[in-house]
Amino acid sequence: QVQLVESGGGLVQAGGSLRLSCVASGSRFSPNAMYWYRQGPGKERELVATITRAGGTNYADSVKGRFTISRDNAKNTVYLQMNSLKPEDTAVYYCRGYYYPTYYWGQGTQVTVSS
């Protein structure tokens, strides 16, 4: 059973930065892909960033140029570097891993951006 644990959330002023981490455990295999999602107050959960096993990345239009997804395979960790944060980035951020054929979710970490 794969476990994903996020950390790094918090309260930050608009224009600031945060780095989220997601540590994976419980699998002998590297994931096919890792994702960061977020769910803001009263909103549906949305996909923010993706990184594939091959290292390809993809971003939601709303975060392009501000957020960067990366990974450290030796540490079984995926990161989300968030710069130039805006109040509308306020959300619970979730890590998701695709270990064929199953998807796993982390418990989420709260990010609050004050204006």
Protein backbone atom coordinates (compact mmCIF):
# COMPACT_ATOMS: atom_id res chain seq x y z
CA GLN A 1 0.00 0.00 0.00
CA VAL A 2 1.47 3.30 -1.12
CA GLN A 3 1.38 6.21 1.31
CA LEU A 4 1.81 9.83 0.29
CA VAL A 5 2.49 12.49 2.90
CA GLU A 6 2.45 16.18 2.01
CA SER A 7 4.09 18.98 3.94
CA GLY A 8 5.15 22.58 3.48
CA GLY A 9 1.84 24.38 3.49
CA GLY A 10 1.19 27.47 5.53
CA LEU A 11 0.21 31.12 5.54
CA VAL A 12 2.03 33.46 3.17
CA GLN A 13 1.48 36.98 1.87
CA ALA A 14 0.62 37.60 -1.75
CA GLY A 15 3.77 37.62 -3.86
CA GLY A 16 5.50 35.18 -1.56
CA SER A 17 6.70 31.63 -2.11
CA LEU A 18 6.20 28.19 -0.64
CA ARG A 19 7.59 24.77 -1.46
CA LEU A 20 5.38 21.75 -0.94
CA SER A 21 6.80 18.27 -0.53
CA CYS A 22 5.20 14.87 -1.03
CA VAL A 23 7.05 11.85 0.32
CA ALA A 24 6.04 8.44 -1.03
CA SER A 25 6.50 5.12 0.73
CA GLY A 26 5.30 1.55 0.43
CA SER A 27 6.17 0.79 -3.19
CA ARG A 28 9.18 -0.97 -4.69
CA PHE A 29 8.47 0.72 -8.00
CA SER A 30 8.72 4.31 -9.13
CA PRO A 31 5.40 5.89 -10.01
CA ASN A 32 4.20 6.23 -13.58
CA ALA A 33 3.29 9.82 -12.78
CA MET A 34 2.88 12.18 -9.86
CA TYR A 35 0.42 15.02 -9.61
CA TRP A 36 -0.41 18.04 -7.50
CA TYR A 37 -4.08 18.95 -7.18
CA ARG A 38 -5.76 21.68 -5.19
CA GLN A 39 -9.23 22.39 -3.87
CA GLY A 40 -10.13 25.93 -2.94
CA PRO A 41 -13.05 26.97 -0.72
CA GLY A 42 -16.30 26.12 -2.47
CA LYS A 43 -14.48 24.86 -5.54
CA GLU A 44 -13.93 21.51 -7.19
CA ARG A 45 -10.58 19.79 -6.95
CA GLU A 46 -8.39 20.76 -9.89
CA LEU A 47 -5.18 19.43 -11.40
CA VAL A 48 -2.31 21.87 -10.94
CA ALA A 49 0.82 20.07 -12.14
CA THR A 50 2.00 16.71 -13.45
CA ILE A 51 5.38 15.02 -13.71
CA THR A 52 5.75 11.75 -15.56
CA ARG A 53 8.22 8.94 -15.02
CA ALA A 54 10.15 10.25 -18.01
CA GLY A 55 10.33 13.68 -16.43
CA GLY A 56 7.81 15.44 -18.58
CA THR A 57 5.84 18.16 -16.86
CA ASN A 58 2.54 19.90 -17.43
CA TYR A 59 0.77 22.76 -15.67
CA ALA A 60 -2.63 24.32 -15.37
CA ASP A 61 -2.81 27.63 -17.22
CA SER A 62 -3.48 29.44 -13.96
CA VAL A 63 -0.07 28.49 -12.51
CA LYS A 64 2.19 28.39 -15.58
CA GLY A 65 5.30 30.43 -15.06
CA ARG A 66 4.76 30.59 -11.30
CA PHE A 67 4.75 26.95 -10.12
CA THR A 68 7.34 24.26 -10.79
CA ILE A 69 6.94 20.55 -10.16
CA SER A 70 10.08 18.47 -9.62
CA ARG A 71 11.19 15.26 -7.99
CA ASP A 72 14.07 13.68 -6.14
CA ASN A 73 13.98 9.97 -6.92
CA ALA A 74 16.56 9.14 -4.26
CA LYS A 75 14.27 10.64 -1.63
CA ASN A 76 11.01 9.37 -3.16
CA THR A 77 9.83 12.96 -3.00
CA VAL A 78 7.96 15.25 -5.34
CA TYR A 79 8.00 19.00 -4.87
CA LEU A 80 5.83 21.90 -5.89
CA GLN A 81 7.67 25.21 -5.85
CA MET A 82 5.11 28.01 -5.77
CA ASN A 83 6.23 31.55 -6.49
CA SER A 84 4.37 34.83 -6.91
CA LEU A 85 1.49 33.44 -4.91
CA LYS A 86 -1.92 35.04 -5.23
CA PRO A 87 -4.92 34.96 -2.89
CA GLU A 88 -6.72 32.78 -5.43
CA ASP A 89 -4.05 30.11 -4.88
CA THR A 90 -5.52 29.54 -1.43
CA ALA A 91 -6.52 25.89 -1.26
CA VAL A 92 -5.79 22.50 0.19
CA TYR A 93 -3.06 21.00 -1.97
CA TYR A 94 -3.05 17.26 -2.55
CA CYS A 95 -0.39 14.95 -3.89
CA ARG A 96 -1.53 12.06 -6.09
CA GLY A 97 0.53 9.18 -7.36
CA TYR A 98 -0.14 6.77 -10.21
CA TYR A 99 1.39 3.40 -9.50
CA TYR A 100 -0.11 1.27 -12.23
CA PRO A 101 -2.92 0.35 -12.04
CA THR A 102 -3.83 2.32 -8.91
CA TYR A 103 -3.98 5.99 -7.98
CA TYR A 104 -3.21 7.08 -4.42
CA TRP A 105 -3.93 10.34 -2.63
CA GLY A 106 -2.19 12.14 0.16
CA GLN A 107 -4.06 13.79 3.01
CA GLY A 108 -3.48 17.35 1.79
CA THR A 109 -1.75 20.43 3.10
CA GLN A 110 -3.36 23.85 3.51
CA VAL A 111 -1.97 26.86 1.66
CA THR A 112 -3.39 30.25 2.55
CA VAL A 113 -2.34 33.39 0.68
CA SER A 114 -3.27 36.69 2.29
CA SER A 115 -3.74 39.88 0.29
